[in-house]
Each structure stands twice: as structure tokens, then as C-alpha cells.
């Protein structure tokens, strides 16, 4: 599902949105994927440790008919996260 989260990178925290699931739009996976998007963040933090705190579940995981429909929903999810914070 999709969750409203807050992510810490060192001493700084950022509003974020996190998806936990199988990414059914792109493949029939059997392993769970976790993806966190930090709002208004433009740095590279690959290979760095972060902490993610979960606040509320926004919606269940969904399968979309195509990539474009998924991108539209992600935009709506991000706007909802902005309203949440």
C-alpha cells in the first residue's frame, strides 16, 4: 500500500510518501518492494542510510492498466501527501 511517511537523512527530515508492495503494474513479482519518495528533495542519497517513519496508510496497492495511469495516480498521491503535511 501507500503510506504518508517522514524520512530522516542525517539530521534533516523530509515529508515523504512510501509504497510497499509487489509493483503489480509492471510485473508479477513475488518479492516485496519498498520505495520512498521525498517531497521537494533533489539530492542524491543512494548508498546512504535513512530512517523512514510511517504515519498513515493512504491507500491499498493497485494494478493500473498502463504506466501513464500509474504516473497520474502517483501525482495524486503526492498531492495528498502535501495536504497531509
N, C-alpha and C. Protein backbone atom coordinates (compact mmCIF):
# COMPACT_ATOMS: atom_id res chain seq x y z
N UNK A 1 0.81 -1.19 0.00
CA UNK A 1 0.00 0.00 0.00
C UNK A 1 0.85 1.25 0.00
N UNK A 2 0.20 2.38 0.02
CA UNK A 2 0.86 3.69 0.00
C UNK A 2 0.66 4.36 1.36
N UNK A 3 1.73 4.90 1.90
CA UNK A 3 1.73 5.47 3.24
C UNK A 3 2.30 6.89 3.24
N UNK A 4 1.77 7.72 4.14
CA UNK A 4 2.36 9.03 4.40
C UNK A 4 3.47 8.79 5.41
N UNK A 5 4.67 9.25 5.06
CA UNK A 5 5.84 8.98 5.90
C UNK A 5 6.67 10.25 6.08
N UNK A 6 7.62 10.16 6.97
CA UNK A 6 8.61 11.22 7.15
C UNK A 6 9.96 10.51 7.10
N UNK A 7 10.90 11.08 6.35
CA UNK A 7 12.19 10.43 6.14
C UNK A 7 13.32 11.30 6.67
N UNK A 8 14.20 10.68 7.45
CA UNK A 8 15.35 11.38 8.00
C UNK A 8 16.59 10.99 7.23
N UNK A 9 17.33 12.02 6.80
CA UNK A 9 18.64 11.87 6.17
C UNK A 9 19.60 12.65 7.06
N UNK A 10 20.32 11.94 7.88
CA UNK A 10 21.16 12.63 8.86
C UNK A 10 20.28 13.37 9.85
N UNK A 11 20.54 14.67 10.04
CA UNK A 11 19.78 15.47 10.99
C UNK A 11 18.56 16.14 10.38
N UNK A 12 18.36 15.99 9.08
CA UNK A 12 17.25 16.65 8.39
C UNK A 12 16.14 15.66 8.10
N UNK A 13 14.88 16.14 8.20
CA UNK A 13 13.75 15.27 7.87
C UNK A 13 12.93 15.91 6.76
N UNK A 14 12.28 15.05 6.00
CA UNK A 14 11.50 15.46 4.83
C UNK A 14 10.16 14.73 4.82
N UNK A 15 9.12 15.45 4.42
CA UNK A 15 7.84 14.80 4.17
C UNK A 15 8.06 13.82 3.02
N UNK A 16 7.40 12.67 3.11
CA UNK A 16 7.61 11.66 2.08
C UNK A 16 6.37 10.80 1.93
N UNK A 17 6.38 9.99 0.89
CA UNK A 17 5.32 9.03 0.64
C UNK A 17 6.01 7.72 0.27
N UNK A 18 5.52 6.62 0.84
CA UNK A 18 6.19 5.33 0.67
C UNK A 18 5.21 4.29 0.15
N UNK A 19 5.68 3.52 -0.82
CA UNK A 19 4.90 2.40 -1.35
C UNK A 19 5.57 1.10 -0.93
N UNK A 20 4.76 0.19 -0.41
CA UNK A 20 5.24 -1.16 -0.09
C UNK A 20 4.34 -2.13 -0.84
N UNK A 21 4.95 -2.95 -1.66
CA UNK A 21 4.13 -3.91 -2.40
C UNK A 21 4.90 -4.64 -3.47
N UNK A 22 4.15 -5.24 -4.37
CA UNK A 22 4.71 -6.10 -5.41
C UNK A 22 4.84 -5.40 -6.77
N UNK A 23 4.48 -4.13 -6.85
CA UNK A 23 4.51 -3.37 -8.11
C UNK A 23 3.78 -4.13 -9.22
N UNK A 24 2.50 -4.43 -9.04
CA UNK A 24 1.78 -5.30 -9.97
C UNK A 24 1.58 -4.72 -11.36
N UNK A 25 1.72 -3.42 -11.55
CA UNK A 25 1.53 -2.82 -12.87
C UNK A 25 2.62 -3.27 -13.84
N UNK A 26 3.82 -3.51 -13.33
CA UNK A 26 4.95 -3.81 -14.20
C UNK A 26 5.34 -5.28 -14.26
N UNK A 27 5.04 -6.05 -13.23
CA UNK A 27 5.44 -7.45 -13.24
C UNK A 27 4.69 -8.21 -12.16
N UNK A 28 4.61 -9.48 -12.34
CA UNK A 28 4.07 -10.34 -11.29
C UNK A 28 5.24 -10.79 -10.43
N UNK A 29 5.55 -9.98 -9.45
CA UNK A 29 6.68 -10.26 -8.57
C UNK A 29 6.21 -11.05 -7.36
N UNK A 30 7.14 -11.74 -6.76
CA UNK A 30 6.85 -12.45 -5.53
C UNK A 30 7.58 -11.82 -4.34
N UNK A 31 8.48 -10.87 -4.61
CA UNK A 31 9.19 -10.20 -3.52
C UNK A 31 8.65 -8.78 -3.36
N UNK A 32 8.54 -8.37 -2.13
CA UNK A 32 8.02 -7.04 -1.80
C UNK A 32 9.08 -5.98 -2.09
N UNK A 33 8.63 -4.88 -2.68
CA UNK A 33 9.48 -3.73 -2.97
C UNK A 33 9.07 -2.59 -2.03
N UNK A 34 10.04 -1.79 -1.60
CA UNK A 34 9.76 -0.60 -0.79
C UNK A 34 10.38 0.59 -1.50
N UNK A 35 9.55 1.60 -1.80
CA UNK A 35 10.02 2.80 -2.48
C UNK A 35 9.53 4.02 -1.71
N UNK A 36 10.43 4.94 -1.41
CA UNK A 36 10.08 6.17 -0.71
C UNK A 36 10.44 7.36 -1.58
N UNK A 37 9.47 8.26 -1.73
CA UNK A 37 9.67 9.49 -2.49
C UNK A 37 9.67 10.66 -1.50
N UNK A 38 10.77 11.41 -1.44
CA UNK A 38 10.87 12.57 -0.56
C UNK A 38 10.34 13.78 -1.30
N UNK A 39 9.40 14.48 -0.71
CA UNK A 39 8.81 15.66 -1.35
C UNK A 39 9.81 16.82 -1.31
N UNK A 40 9.90 17.53 -2.43
CA UNK A 40 10.75 18.72 -2.52
C UNK A 40 12.20 18.43 -2.16
N UNK A 41 12.71 17.34 -2.67
CA UNK A 41 14.08 16.90 -2.40
C UNK A 41 14.76 16.61 -3.72
N UNK A 42 15.96 17.14 -3.93
CA UNK A 42 16.60 16.99 -5.23
C UNK A 42 18.04 16.48 -5.14
N UNK A 43 18.46 15.97 -4.00
CA UNK A 43 19.83 15.48 -3.86
C UNK A 43 19.88 13.97 -4.09
N UNK A 44 21.08 13.47 -4.29
CA UNK A 44 21.27 12.03 -4.41
C UNK A 44 21.68 11.47 -3.06
N UNK A 45 20.95 10.49 -2.58
CA UNK A 45 21.28 9.89 -1.28
C UNK A 45 21.46 8.37 -1.41
N UNK A 46 21.69 7.90 -2.64
CA UNK A 46 21.98 6.48 -2.82
C UNK A 46 23.20 6.10 -2.00
N UNK A 47 23.20 4.91 -1.44
CA UNK A 47 24.28 4.38 -0.61
C UNK A 47 24.39 5.08 0.75
N UNK A 48 23.36 5.84 1.14
CA UNK A 48 23.32 6.44 2.46
C UNK A 48 22.20 5.81 3.28
N UNK A 49 22.38 5.77 4.56
CA UNK A 49 21.33 5.26 5.45
C UNK A 49 20.29 6.33 5.68
N UNK A 50 19.04 5.92 5.70
CA UNK A 50 17.92 6.81 6.01
C UNK A 50 17.03 6.11 7.03
N UNK A 51 16.17 6.88 7.66
CA UNK A 51 15.14 6.33 8.54
C UNK A 51 13.80 6.82 8.05
N UNK A 52 12.84 5.91 7.95
CA UNK A 52 11.50 6.26 7.47
C UNK A 52 10.51 5.95 8.59
N UNK A 53 9.73 6.98 8.96
CA UNK A 53 8.70 6.82 9.98
C UNK A 53 7.34 6.84 9.30
N UNK A 54 6.52 5.85 9.58
CA UNK A 54 5.20 5.72 8.97
C UNK A 54 4.15 6.39 9.85
N UNK A 55 3.27 7.19 9.22
CA UNK A 55 2.22 7.89 9.95
C UNK A 55 0.84 7.36 9.64
N UNK A 56 0.45 7.33 8.38
CA UNK A 56 -0.89 6.90 8.00
C UNK A 56 -0.84 6.12 6.70
N UNK A 57 -1.75 5.15 6.60
CA UNK A 57 -1.91 4.44 5.32
C UNK A 57 -2.85 5.26 4.46
N UNK A 58 -2.45 5.51 3.22
CA UNK A 58 -3.25 6.32 2.31
C UNK A 58 -4.17 5.44 1.47
N UNK A 59 -3.63 4.38 0.86
CA UNK A 59 -4.46 3.52 0.03
C UNK A 59 -3.80 2.16 -0.14
N UNK A 60 -4.58 1.21 -0.62
CA UNK A 60 -4.06 -0.12 -0.92
C UNK A 60 -3.30 -0.11 -2.24
N UNK A 61 -2.49 -1.13 -2.43
CA UNK A 61 -1.78 -1.29 -3.69
C UNK A 61 -2.79 -1.56 -4.81
N UNK A 62 -2.50 -1.03 -5.99
CA UNK A 62 -3.41 -1.18 -7.13
C UNK A 62 -2.63 -1.58 -8.37
N UNK A 63 -3.30 -2.29 -9.26
CA UNK A 63 -2.74 -2.58 -10.59
C UNK A 63 -3.36 -1.57 -11.55
N UNK A 64 -2.53 -0.92 -12.35
CA UNK A 64 -3.01 0.07 -13.31
C UNK A 64 -2.91 -0.50 -14.72
N UNK A 65 -3.76 -0.03 -15.64
CA UNK A 65 -3.75 -0.59 -16.99
C UNK A 65 -2.49 -0.27 -17.78
N UNK A 66 -1.80 0.81 -17.38
CA UNK A 66 -0.58 1.18 -18.10
C UNK A 66 0.25 2.14 -17.24
N UNK A 67 1.46 2.42 -17.72
CA UNK A 67 2.39 3.28 -17.00
C UNK A 67 1.83 4.69 -16.81
N UNK A 68 1.14 5.21 -17.83
CA UNK A 68 0.60 6.56 -17.75
C UNK A 68 -0.43 6.70 -16.64
N UNK A 69 -1.29 5.70 -16.48
CA UNK A 69 -2.30 5.73 -15.42
C UNK A 69 -1.63 5.69 -14.04
N UNK A 70 -0.57 4.90 -13.92
CA UNK A 70 0.18 4.85 -12.67
C UNK A 70 0.81 6.20 -12.36
N UNK A 71 1.40 6.84 -13.36
CA UNK A 71 2.03 8.15 -13.16
C UNK A 71 1.00 9.18 -12.69
N UNK A 72 -0.19 9.16 -13.26
CA UNK A 72 -1.26 10.07 -12.83
C UNK A 72 -1.63 9.83 -11.37
N UNK A 73 -1.75 8.56 -10.98
CA UNK A 73 -2.10 8.24 -9.59
C UNK A 73 -0.99 8.65 -8.64
N UNK A 74 0.26 8.45 -9.02
CA UNK A 74 1.37 8.88 -8.17
C UNK A 74 1.30 10.39 -7.95
N UNK A 75 0.98 11.15 -8.99
CA UNK A 75 0.81 12.59 -8.84
C UNK A 75 -0.27 12.93 -7.84
N UNK A 76 -1.39 12.21 -7.90
CA UNK A 76 -2.48 12.44 -6.93
C UNK A 76 -2.04 12.05 -5.52
N UNK A 77 -1.29 10.97 -5.41
CA UNK A 77 -0.80 10.54 -4.09
C UNK A 77 0.15 11.58 -3.50
N UNK A 78 1.02 12.13 -4.32
CA UNK A 78 1.97 13.16 -3.85
C UNK A 78 1.21 14.40 -3.39
N UNK A 79 0.20 14.82 -4.15
CA UNK A 79 -0.60 15.99 -3.75
C UNK A 79 -1.33 15.71 -2.43
N UNK A 80 -1.80 14.50 -2.24
CA UNK A 80 -2.44 14.15 -0.97
C UNK A 80 -1.44 14.20 0.17
N UNK A 81 -0.22 13.75 -0.09
CA UNK A 81 0.81 13.80 0.94
C UNK A 81 1.15 15.24 1.29
N UNK A 82 1.21 16.11 0.29
CA UNK A 82 1.46 17.53 0.56
C UNK A 82 0.35 18.11 1.46
N UNK A 83 -0.88 17.74 1.19
CA UNK A 83 -2.01 18.22 2.01
C UNK A 83 -1.93 17.67 3.42
N UNK A 84 -1.45 16.45 3.54
CA UNK A 84 -1.33 15.81 4.85
C UNK A 84 -0.35 16.57 5.74
N UNK A 85 0.77 16.99 5.14
CA UNK A 85 1.78 17.69 5.91
C UNK A 85 1.49 19.16 5.96
